[in-house]
């Protein structure tokens, strides 16, 4: 209820001004595709889209490319963050950019965390 009220408030301020915001997969409520969809589905608004962070999806044990393809038509911003260290930055960037529709902003970074497993733990549907 609180989240819905906040999103409705934002909708009322953003839509008339043509401003977009993006909900990001992060922490317990939106670390799964279904969780992020539930939050975005609380309020129907073209002003409220997805700010997809591939690194957060990876850290949550999800398949970032599969999840990106699921939300690509709702993207307002993509943070293409390669933290696995398994692919070169250019290879990952090309795959991500091919998956994204035009019109979304894209920010690409490359992080390598020493405490991450060499192979990501991905939850399969």
N, C-alpha and C. Protein backbone atom coordinates (compact mmCIF):
# COMPACT_ATOMS: atom_id res chain seq x y z
N UNK A 1 0.81 -1.19 0.00
CA UNK A 1 0.00 0.00 0.00
C UNK A 1 0.87 1.27 0.00
N UNK A 2 1.92 1.29 0.83
CA UNK A 2 2.79 2.46 0.88
C UNK A 2 3.47 2.65 -0.47
N UNK A 3 4.00 1.54 -1.02
CA UNK A 3 4.66 1.63 -2.33
C UNK A 3 3.72 2.11 -3.41
N UNK A 4 2.49 1.63 -3.39
CA UNK A 4 1.51 2.06 -4.38
C UNK A 4 1.21 3.55 -4.24
N UNK A 5 1.09 4.03 -3.00
CA UNK A 5 0.84 5.46 -2.77
C UNK A 5 2.00 6.31 -3.29
N UNK A 6 3.21 5.87 -3.02
CA UNK A 6 4.38 6.61 -3.50
C UNK A 6 4.42 6.64 -5.02
N UNK A 7 4.18 5.49 -5.65
CA UNK A 7 4.20 5.44 -7.11
C UNK A 7 3.09 6.28 -7.72
N UNK A 8 1.91 6.29 -7.09
CA UNK A 8 0.82 7.14 -7.59
C UNK A 8 1.17 8.62 -7.47
N UNK A 9 1.82 8.99 -6.36
CA UNK A 9 2.26 10.37 -6.19
C UNK A 9 3.26 10.74 -7.29
N UNK A 10 4.24 9.87 -7.51
CA UNK A 10 5.23 10.12 -8.56
C UNK A 10 4.57 10.22 -9.93
N UNK A 11 3.65 9.34 -10.20
CA UNK A 11 2.92 9.35 -11.48
C UNK A 11 2.27 10.71 -11.69
N UNK A 12 1.62 11.24 -10.65
CA UNK A 12 0.91 12.51 -10.78
C UNK A 12 1.86 13.68 -11.06
N UNK A 13 3.08 13.57 -10.61
CA UNK A 13 4.07 14.64 -10.83
C UNK A 13 4.86 14.45 -12.11
N UNK A 14 5.16 13.20 -12.46
CA UNK A 14 6.03 12.91 -13.60
C UNK A 14 5.32 13.00 -14.95
N UNK A 15 4.13 12.37 -15.03
CA UNK A 15 3.45 12.29 -16.33
C UNK A 15 3.22 13.65 -16.97
N UNK A 16 2.68 14.65 -16.24
CA UNK A 16 2.46 15.96 -16.89
C UNK A 16 3.74 16.63 -17.36
N UNK A 17 4.85 16.27 -16.78
CA UNK A 17 6.13 16.89 -17.12
C UNK A 17 6.94 16.08 -18.13
N UNK A 18 6.47 14.90 -18.48
CA UNK A 18 7.19 14.05 -19.42
C UNK A 18 8.48 13.49 -18.88
N UNK A 19 8.55 13.32 -17.56
CA UNK A 19 9.75 12.80 -16.91
C UNK A 19 9.60 11.31 -16.69
N UNK A 20 10.68 10.57 -16.93
CA UNK A 20 10.68 9.12 -16.72
C UNK A 20 11.54 8.76 -15.51
N UNK A 21 11.10 7.76 -14.75
CA UNK A 21 11.96 7.17 -13.71
C UNK A 21 12.02 5.67 -13.96
N UNK A 22 13.05 5.05 -13.44
CA UNK A 22 13.20 3.61 -13.61
C UNK A 22 13.34 2.91 -12.28
N UNK A 23 12.60 1.84 -12.12
CA UNK A 23 12.71 0.98 -10.95
C UNK A 23 13.85 -0.01 -11.20
N UNK A 24 14.69 -0.22 -10.21
CA UNK A 24 15.89 -1.04 -10.39
C UNK A 24 15.79 -2.34 -9.60
N UNK A 25 16.25 -3.46 -10.21
CA UNK A 25 16.31 -4.70 -9.45
C UNK A 25 17.37 -4.59 -8.35
N UNK A 26 16.90 -4.67 -7.12
CA UNK A 26 17.82 -4.46 -6.00
C UNK A 26 17.16 -4.95 -4.72
N UNK A 27 17.91 -5.62 -3.87
CA UNK A 27 17.47 -6.05 -2.55
C UNK A 27 16.29 -7.03 -2.61
N UNK A 28 15.62 -7.25 -1.50
CA UNK A 28 14.69 -8.36 -1.39
C UNK A 28 13.40 -8.21 -2.22
N UNK A 29 12.91 -7.02 -2.45
CA UNK A 29 11.62 -6.87 -3.11
C UNK A 29 11.70 -6.98 -4.63
N UNK A 30 12.81 -6.59 -5.19
CA UNK A 30 12.90 -6.58 -6.65
C UNK A 30 14.11 -7.33 -7.17
N UNK A 31 14.58 -8.33 -6.43
CA UNK A 31 15.76 -9.07 -6.90
C UNK A 31 15.40 -10.26 -7.78
N UNK A 32 14.11 -10.41 -8.08
CA UNK A 32 13.67 -11.43 -9.03
C UNK A 32 12.83 -10.74 -10.11
N UNK A 33 12.75 -11.32 -11.29
CA UNK A 33 11.91 -10.72 -12.32
C UNK A 33 10.45 -10.54 -11.87
N UNK A 34 9.89 -11.53 -11.20
CA UNK A 34 8.51 -11.42 -10.74
C UNK A 34 8.34 -10.31 -9.71
N UNK A 35 9.31 -10.16 -8.81
CA UNK A 35 9.24 -9.11 -7.79
C UNK A 35 9.28 -7.72 -8.41
N UNK A 36 10.17 -7.51 -9.37
CA UNK A 36 10.25 -6.22 -10.04
C UNK A 36 8.97 -5.94 -10.83
N UNK A 37 8.45 -6.96 -11.50
CA UNK A 37 7.19 -6.79 -12.24
C UNK A 37 6.04 -6.43 -11.31
N UNK A 38 6.00 -7.06 -10.13
CA UNK A 38 4.92 -6.74 -9.18
C UNK A 38 4.99 -5.28 -8.73
N UNK A 39 6.18 -4.81 -8.46
CA UNK A 39 6.32 -3.41 -8.03
C UNK A 39 5.92 -2.47 -9.16
N UNK A 40 6.42 -2.71 -10.36
CA UNK A 40 6.05 -1.82 -11.46
C UNK A 40 4.55 -1.91 -11.76
N UNK A 41 3.97 -3.07 -11.55
CA UNK A 41 2.54 -3.25 -11.83
C UNK A 41 1.61 -2.61 -10.82
N UNK A 42 2.14 -2.08 -9.73
CA UNK A 42 1.28 -1.41 -8.74
C UNK A 42 0.58 -0.20 -9.34
N UNK A 43 1.23 0.46 -10.28
CA UNK A 43 0.68 1.66 -10.91
C UNK A 43 0.97 1.60 -12.40
N UNK A 44 -0.02 1.79 -13.20
CA UNK A 44 0.17 1.82 -14.65
C UNK A 44 0.50 3.25 -15.06
N UNK A 45 1.70 3.43 -15.58
CA UNK A 45 2.13 4.76 -16.00
C UNK A 45 3.27 4.64 -16.99
N UNK A 46 3.19 5.38 -18.10
CA UNK A 46 4.33 5.38 -19.03
C UNK A 46 5.54 6.10 -18.45
N UNK A 47 5.37 6.81 -17.34
CA UNK A 47 6.48 7.53 -16.71
C UNK A 47 7.32 6.63 -15.81
N UNK A 48 6.81 5.45 -15.48
CA UNK A 48 7.51 4.55 -14.56
C UNK A 48 7.96 3.30 -15.31
N UNK A 49 9.25 3.24 -15.59
CA UNK A 49 9.80 2.12 -16.33
C UNK A 49 10.81 1.35 -15.50
N UNK A 50 11.77 0.76 -16.20
CA UNK A 50 12.78 -0.08 -15.55
C UNK A 50 14.17 0.52 -15.77
N UNK A 51 14.93 0.61 -14.70
CA UNK A 51 16.36 0.92 -14.74
C UNK A 51 17.05 -0.41 -14.47
N UNK A 52 17.39 -1.12 -15.52
CA UNK A 52 17.92 -2.46 -15.33
C UNK A 52 19.42 -2.43 -15.09
N UNK A 53 19.85 -3.10 -14.03
CA UNK A 53 21.26 -3.18 -13.65
C UNK A 53 21.67 -4.65 -13.76
N UNK A 54 22.48 -4.96 -14.77
CA UNK A 54 22.88 -6.35 -15.01
C UNK A 54 23.69 -6.91 -13.86
N UNK A 55 24.48 -6.08 -13.19
CA UNK A 55 25.27 -6.54 -12.05
C UNK A 55 24.41 -6.95 -10.88
N UNK A 56 23.37 -6.18 -10.59
CA UNK A 56 22.46 -6.53 -9.50
C UNK A 56 21.72 -7.82 -9.82
N UNK A 57 21.34 -8.01 -11.07
CA UNK A 57 20.66 -9.25 -11.46
C UNK A 57 21.60 -10.44 -11.24
N UNK A 58 22.84 -10.29 -11.64
CA UNK A 58 23.85 -11.34 -11.47
C UNK A 58 24.04 -11.68 -10.00
N UNK A 59 24.20 -10.64 -9.16
CA UNK A 59 24.42 -10.86 -7.73
C UNK A 59 23.22 -11.51 -7.05
N UNK A 60 22.03 -11.32 -7.62
CA UNK A 60 20.81 -11.93 -7.07
C UNK A 60 20.64 -13.37 -7.55
N UNK A 61 21.60 -13.87 -8.35
CA UNK A 61 21.51 -15.25 -8.81
C UNK A 61 20.62 -15.43 -10.02
N UNK A 62 20.35 -14.34 -10.72
CA UNK A 62 19.50 -14.39 -11.91
C UNK A 62 20.35 -14.40 -13.17
N UNK A 63 19.75 -14.74 -14.28
CA UNK A 63 20.39 -14.68 -15.58
C UNK A 63 20.14 -13.27 -16.14
N UNK A 64 21.14 -12.38 -16.14
CA UNK A 64 20.92 -11.01 -16.56
C UNK A 64 20.37 -10.86 -17.97
N UNK A 65 20.86 -11.65 -18.91
CA UNK A 65 20.38 -11.51 -20.30
C UNK A 65 18.93 -11.95 -20.43
N UNK A 66 18.57 -13.03 -19.78
CA UNK A 66 17.18 -13.49 -19.83
C UNK A 66 16.24 -12.43 -19.23
N UNK A 67 16.65 -11.88 -18.09
CA UNK A 67 15.84 -10.87 -17.41
C UNK A 67 15.77 -9.59 -18.25
N UNK A 68 16.91 -9.19 -18.85
CA UNK A 68 16.93 -8.01 -19.70
C UNK A 68 15.96 -8.15 -20.87
N UNK A 69 15.95 -9.31 -21.49
CA UNK A 69 15.02 -9.53 -22.60
C UNK A 69 13.57 -9.44 -22.13
N UNK A 70 13.31 -9.83 -20.91
CA UNK A 70 11.95 -9.76 -20.35
C UNK A 70 11.49 -8.30 -20.16
N UNK A 71 12.41 -7.40 -19.82
CA UNK A 71 12.03 -6.02 -19.50
C UNK A 71 12.43 -5.00 -20.58
N UNK A 72 13.03 -5.45 -21.66
CA UNK A 72 13.63 -4.52 -22.62
C UNK A 72 12.65 -3.49 -23.17
N UNK A 73 11.39 -3.81 -23.31
CA UNK A 73 10.43 -2.85 -23.84
C UNK A 73 9.95 -1.85 -22.79
N UNK A 74 10.38 -2.04 -21.54
CA UNK A 74 10.01 -1.12 -20.46
C UNK A 74 11.20 -0.33 -19.94
N UNK A 75 12.35 -0.48 -20.59
CA UNK A 75 13.57 0.18 -20.13
C UNK A 75 13.50 1.69 -20.29
N UNK A 76 13.97 2.39 -19.27
CA UNK A 76 14.26 3.81 -19.40
C UNK A 76 15.76 4.03 -19.28
N UNK A 77 16.45 3.07 -18.70
CA UNK A 77 17.90 3.14 -18.56
C UNK A 77 18.45 1.72 -18.32
N UNK A 78 19.62 1.47 -18.85
CA UNK A 78 20.30 0.20 -18.64
C UNK A 78 21.68 0.47 -18.10
N UNK A 79 21.98 -0.12 -16.96
CA UNK A 79 23.34 -0.07 -16.42
C UNK A 79 23.97 -1.42 -16.70
N UNK A 80 24.72 -1.48 -17.77
CA UNK A 80 25.37 -2.71 -18.19
C UNK A 80 26.67 -2.85 -17.41
N UNK A 81 26.62 -3.65 -16.37
CA UNK A 81 27.73 -3.77 -15.43
C UNK A 81 28.22 -5.21 -15.45
N UNK A 82 29.41 -5.40 -16.01
CA UNK A 82 29.99 -6.74 -16.10
C UNK A 82 30.85 -6.96 -14.86
N UNK A 83 30.32 -7.65 -13.88
CA UNK A 83 31.08 -7.90 -12.66
C UNK A 83 31.57 -9.34 -12.56
N UNK A 84 31.20 -10.15 -13.55
CA UNK A 84 31.59 -11.56 -13.47
C UNK A 84 33.05 -11.77 -13.83
N UNK A 85 33.58 -10.90 -14.68
CA UNK A 85 34.96 -11.08 -15.12
C UNK A 85 35.12 -12.23 -16.09
N UNK A 86 34.02 -12.84 -16.52
CA UNK A 86 34.08 -14.00 -17.40
C UNK A 86 34.12 -13.63 -18.87
N UNK A 87 33.59 -12.46 -19.21
CA UNK A 87 33.59 -12.04 -20.61
C UNK A 87 34.33 -10.72 -20.71
N UNK A 88 34.86 -10.47 -21.88
CA UNK A 88 35.48 -9.16 -22.06
C UNK A 88 34.38 -8.12 -22.09
N UNK A 89 34.73 -6.91 -21.76
CA UNK A 89 33.75 -5.82 -21.72
C UNK A 89 33.09 -5.65 -23.08
N UNK A 90 33.86 -5.71 -24.16
CA UNK A 90 33.29 -5.48 -25.48
C UNK A 90 32.31 -6.58 -25.87
N UNK A 91 32.60 -7.83 -25.55
CA UNK A 91 31.67 -8.93 -25.88
C UNK A 91 30.34 -8.75 -25.15
N UNK A 92 30.41 -8.48 -23.85
CA UNK A 92 29.19 -8.30 -23.06
C UNK A 92 28.42 -7.08 -23.54
N UNK A 93 29.11 -6.00 -23.83
CA UNK A 93 28.46 -4.77 -24.28
C UNK A 93 27.70 -5.00 -25.58
N UNK A 94 28.32 -5.72 -26.50
CA UNK A 94 27.67 -5.98 -27.79
C UNK A 94 26.41 -6.80 -27.58
N UNK A 95 26.46 -7.84 -26.76
CA UNK A 95 25.28 -8.66 -26.50
C UNK A 95 24.17 -7.83 -25.88
N UNK A 96 24.52 -7.01 -24.92
CA UNK A 96 23.51 -6.19 -24.24
C UNK A 96 22.91 -5.17 -25.18
N UNK A 97 23.74 -4.48 -25.93
CA UNK A 97 23.23 -3.45 -26.83
C UNK A 97 22.33 -4.04 -27.91
N UNK A 98 22.62 -5.23 -28.36
CA UNK A 98 21.74 -5.89 -29.34
C UNK A 98 20.38 -6.22 -28.74
N UNK A 99 20.35 -6.47 -27.43
CA UNK A 99 19.10 -6.86 -26.77
C UNK A 99 18.21 -5.67 -26.44
N UNK A 100 18.78 -4.48 -26.40
CA UNK A 100 18.04 -3.30 -25.94
C UNK A 100 17.42 -2.57 -27.11
N UNK A 101 16.21 -2.09 -26.89
CA UNK A 101 15.55 -1.29 -27.92
C UNK A 101 16.21 0.09 -27.98
N UNK A 102 16.11 0.74 -29.11
CA UNK A 102 16.69 2.08 -29.21
C UNK A 102 15.85 3.04 -28.38
N UNK A 103 16.45 4.12 -27.94
CA UNK A 103 15.74 5.10 -27.15
C UNK A 103 16.01 5.00 -25.66
N UNK A 104 16.61 3.93 -25.21
CA UNK A 104 16.97 3.79 -23.81
C UNK A 104 18.40 4.28 -23.62
N UNK A 105 18.65 4.90 -22.49
CA UNK A 105 20.03 5.29 -22.20
C UNK A 105 20.78 4.06 -21.69
N UNK A 106 22.05 4.00 -21.95
CA UNK A 106 22.87 2.87 -21.54
C UNK A 106 24.15 3.39 -20.90
N UNK A 107 24.48 2.84 -19.74
CA UNK A 107 25.71 3.19 -19.03
C UNK A 107 26.46 1.88 -18.81
N UNK A 108 27.67 1.79 -19.32
CA UNK A 108 28.42 0.54 -19.25
C UNK A 108 29.62 0.71 -18.33
N UNK A 109 29.73 -0.21 -17.37
CA UNK A 109 30.90 -0.22 -16.48
C UNK A 109 31.40 -1.65 -16.38
N UNK A 110 32.62 -1.80 -15.92
CA UNK A 110 33.21 -3.12 -15.77
C UNK A 110 33.81 -3.21 -14.37
N UNK A 111 33.23 -4.07 -13.55
CA UNK A 111 33.73 -4.30 -12.20
C UNK A 111 34.13 -5.75 -12.06
N UNK A 112 35.16 -5.99 -11.31
CA UNK A 112 35.55 -7.36 -11.01
C UNK A 112 35.70 -7.44 -9.49
N UNK A 113 34.83 -8.21 -8.87
CA UNK A 113 34.86 -8.37 -7.43
C UNK A 113 35.59 -9.66 -7.10
N UNK A 114 36.59 -9.57 -6.27
CA UNK A 114 37.40 -10.73 -5.93
C UNK A 114 36.63 -11.79 -5.14
N UNK A 115 35.58 -11.40 -4.44
CA UNK A 115 34.86 -12.36 -3.61
C UNK A 115 33.72 -13.06 -4.33
N UNK A 116 33.54 -12.80 -5.61
CA UNK A 116 32.47 -13.46 -6.36
C UNK A 116 32.95 -14.81 -6.87
N UNK A 117 32.02 -15.76 -7.01
CA UNK A 117 32.42 -17.05 -7.57
C UNK A 117 32.82 -16.90 -9.04
N UNK A 118 33.68 -17.76 -9.50
CA UNK A 118 34.11 -17.70 -10.90
C UNK A 118 32.95 -17.97 -11.84
N UNK A 119 32.02 -18.79 -11.42
CA UNK A 119 30.84 -19.09 -12.22
C UNK A 119 29.62 -18.55 -11.49
N UNK A 120 28.80 -17.74 -12.18
CA UNK A 120 27.62 -17.20 -11.49
C UNK A 120 26.64 -18.28 -11.10
N UNK A 121 25.96 -18.05 -10.01
CA UNK A 121 24.88 -18.94 -9.57
C UNK A 121 23.60 -18.39 -10.17
N UNK A 122 23.05 -19.07 -11.14
CA UNK A 122 21.86 -18.58 -11.85
C UNK A 122 20.68 -19.48 -11.51
N UNK A 123 19.58 -18.87 -11.11
CA UNK A 123 18.35 -19.63 -10.84
C UNK A 123 17.67 -19.92 -12.17
N UNK A 124 17.34 -21.16 -12.38
CA UNK A 124 16.64 -21.55 -13.60
C UNK A 124 15.13 -21.58 -13.34
N UNK A 125 14.34 -21.19 -14.35
CA UNK A 125 12.87 -21.19 -14.15
C UNK A 125 12.33 -22.58 -13.98
